Amino acid sequence: MSFGENVKKARKSKSLSLQELSDRCGVSRSMLSQIERGEKNPTIQVACQIAEGLDMTLSQLLGEDARKEVIVIKKETKIPL
């Protein structure tokens, strides 16, 4: 799912109009609409403002899984190729 689709889904799940989200995050309604439709890509700063307006972290809004597997390989256990 794209960033814009995630924004729209989160906004609708919180029953917010574009104008209400705009008021909460300080990003214009037209910019939010363009982002949701995939016509514009936000800067990191704008993406953070949108996430804050939705009471979410940027990671949540990006759709990143919070439970990703991390593999630690210690130097002494490396397997030569």
Protein backbone atom coordinates (compact mmCIF):
# COMPACT_ATOMS: atom_id res chain seq x y z
CA MET A 1 0.00 0.00 0.00
CA SER A 2 1.31 3.47 -0.87
CA PHE A 3 1.87 6.28 1.61
CA GLY A 4 -1.12 8.17 0.24
CA GLU A 5 -3.37 5.13 0.57
CA ASN A 6 -2.19 4.69 4.16
CA VAL A 7 -3.00 8.34 4.92
CA LYS A 8 -6.49 8.03 3.46
CA LYS A 9 -7.18 4.76 5.29
CA ALA A 10 -5.99 6.21 8.62
CA ARG A 11 -7.93 9.44 8.10
CA LYS A 12 -11.15 7.60 7.30
CA SER A 13 -10.69 5.18 10.22
CA LYS A 14 -10.57 8.21 12.52
CA SER A 15 -13.63 9.72 10.77
CA LEU A 16 -11.72 12.86 9.78
CA SER A 17 -12.44 14.98 6.73
CA LEU A 18 -9.56 16.37 4.69
CA GLN A 19 -10.23 19.78 6.23
CA GLU A 20 -10.17 18.39 9.78
CA LEU A 21 -6.86 16.62 9.15
CA SER A 22 -5.51 19.77 7.53
CA ASP A 23 -6.43 21.78 10.63
CA ARG A 24 -4.76 19.19 12.89
CA CYS A 25 -1.50 18.84 10.98
CA GLY A 26 -0.98 22.20 9.27
CA VAL A 27 -0.80 20.72 5.76
CA SER A 28 -3.18 22.24 3.20
CA ARG A 29 -6.29 20.33 2.25
CA SER A 30 -5.29 20.35 -1.42
CA MET A 31 -1.83 18.94 -0.63
CA LEU A 32 -3.38 16.19 1.51
CA SER A 33 -5.77 15.33 -1.32
CA GLN A 34 -2.91 15.16 -3.83
CA ILE A 35 -0.89 12.94 -1.47
CA GLU A 36 -3.85 10.60 -0.95
CA ARG A 37 -4.37 10.32 -4.73
CA GLY A 38 -0.66 9.62 -5.28
CA GLU A 39 -0.12 12.82 -7.27
CA LYS A 40 2.40 14.29 -4.81
CA ASN A 41 5.06 12.80 -2.60
CA PRO A 42 5.46 14.57 0.75
CA THR A 43 8.77 15.62 2.23
CA ILE A 44 9.81 13.87 5.44
CA GLN A 45 8.75 16.95 7.39
CA VAL A 46 5.27 16.96 5.84
CA ALA A 47 4.93 13.19 6.35
CA CYS A 48 5.79 13.68 10.04
CA GLN A 49 3.21 16.47 10.34
CA ILE A 50 0.54 14.24 8.80
CA ALA A 51 1.45 11.36 11.12
CA GLU A 52 1.25 13.69 14.11
CA GLY A 53 -2.15 14.97 12.96
CA LEU A 54 -3.35 11.37 12.81
CA ASP A 55 -1.89 10.58 16.27
CA MET A 56 0.41 7.99 14.71
CA THR A 57 4.12 7.47 14.34
CA LEU A 58 5.64 7.87 10.90
CA SER A 59 6.52 4.16 10.95
CA GLN A 60 2.88 3.26 11.55
CA LEU A 61 1.77 5.54 8.74
CA LEU A 62 4.37 4.09 6.39
CA GLY A 63 2.93 0.67 7.16
CA GLU A 64 6.14 -0.75 8.54
CA ASP A 65 5.67 -3.87 10.61
CA ALA A 66 6.76 -3.16 14.18
CA ARG A 67 7.70 -6.79 14.68
CA LYS A 68 10.36 -7.32 12.05
CA GLU A 69 12.86 -10.05 12.67
CA VAL A 70 16.35 -8.89 13.52
CA ILE A 71 19.24 -11.25 12.95
CA VAL A 72 22.48 -10.61 14.82
CA ILE A 73 25.60 -12.31 13.51
CA LYS A 74 28.60 -12.01 15.76
CA LYS A 75 32.00 -11.64 14.16
CA GLU A 76 33.25 -14.97 15.46
CA THR A 77 30.25 -16.85 14.05
CA LYS A 78 30.44 -15.58 10.46
CA ILE A 79 30.34 -18.29 7.88
CA PRO A 80 32.88 -17.85 5.06
CA LEU A 81 31.45 -17.81 1.57
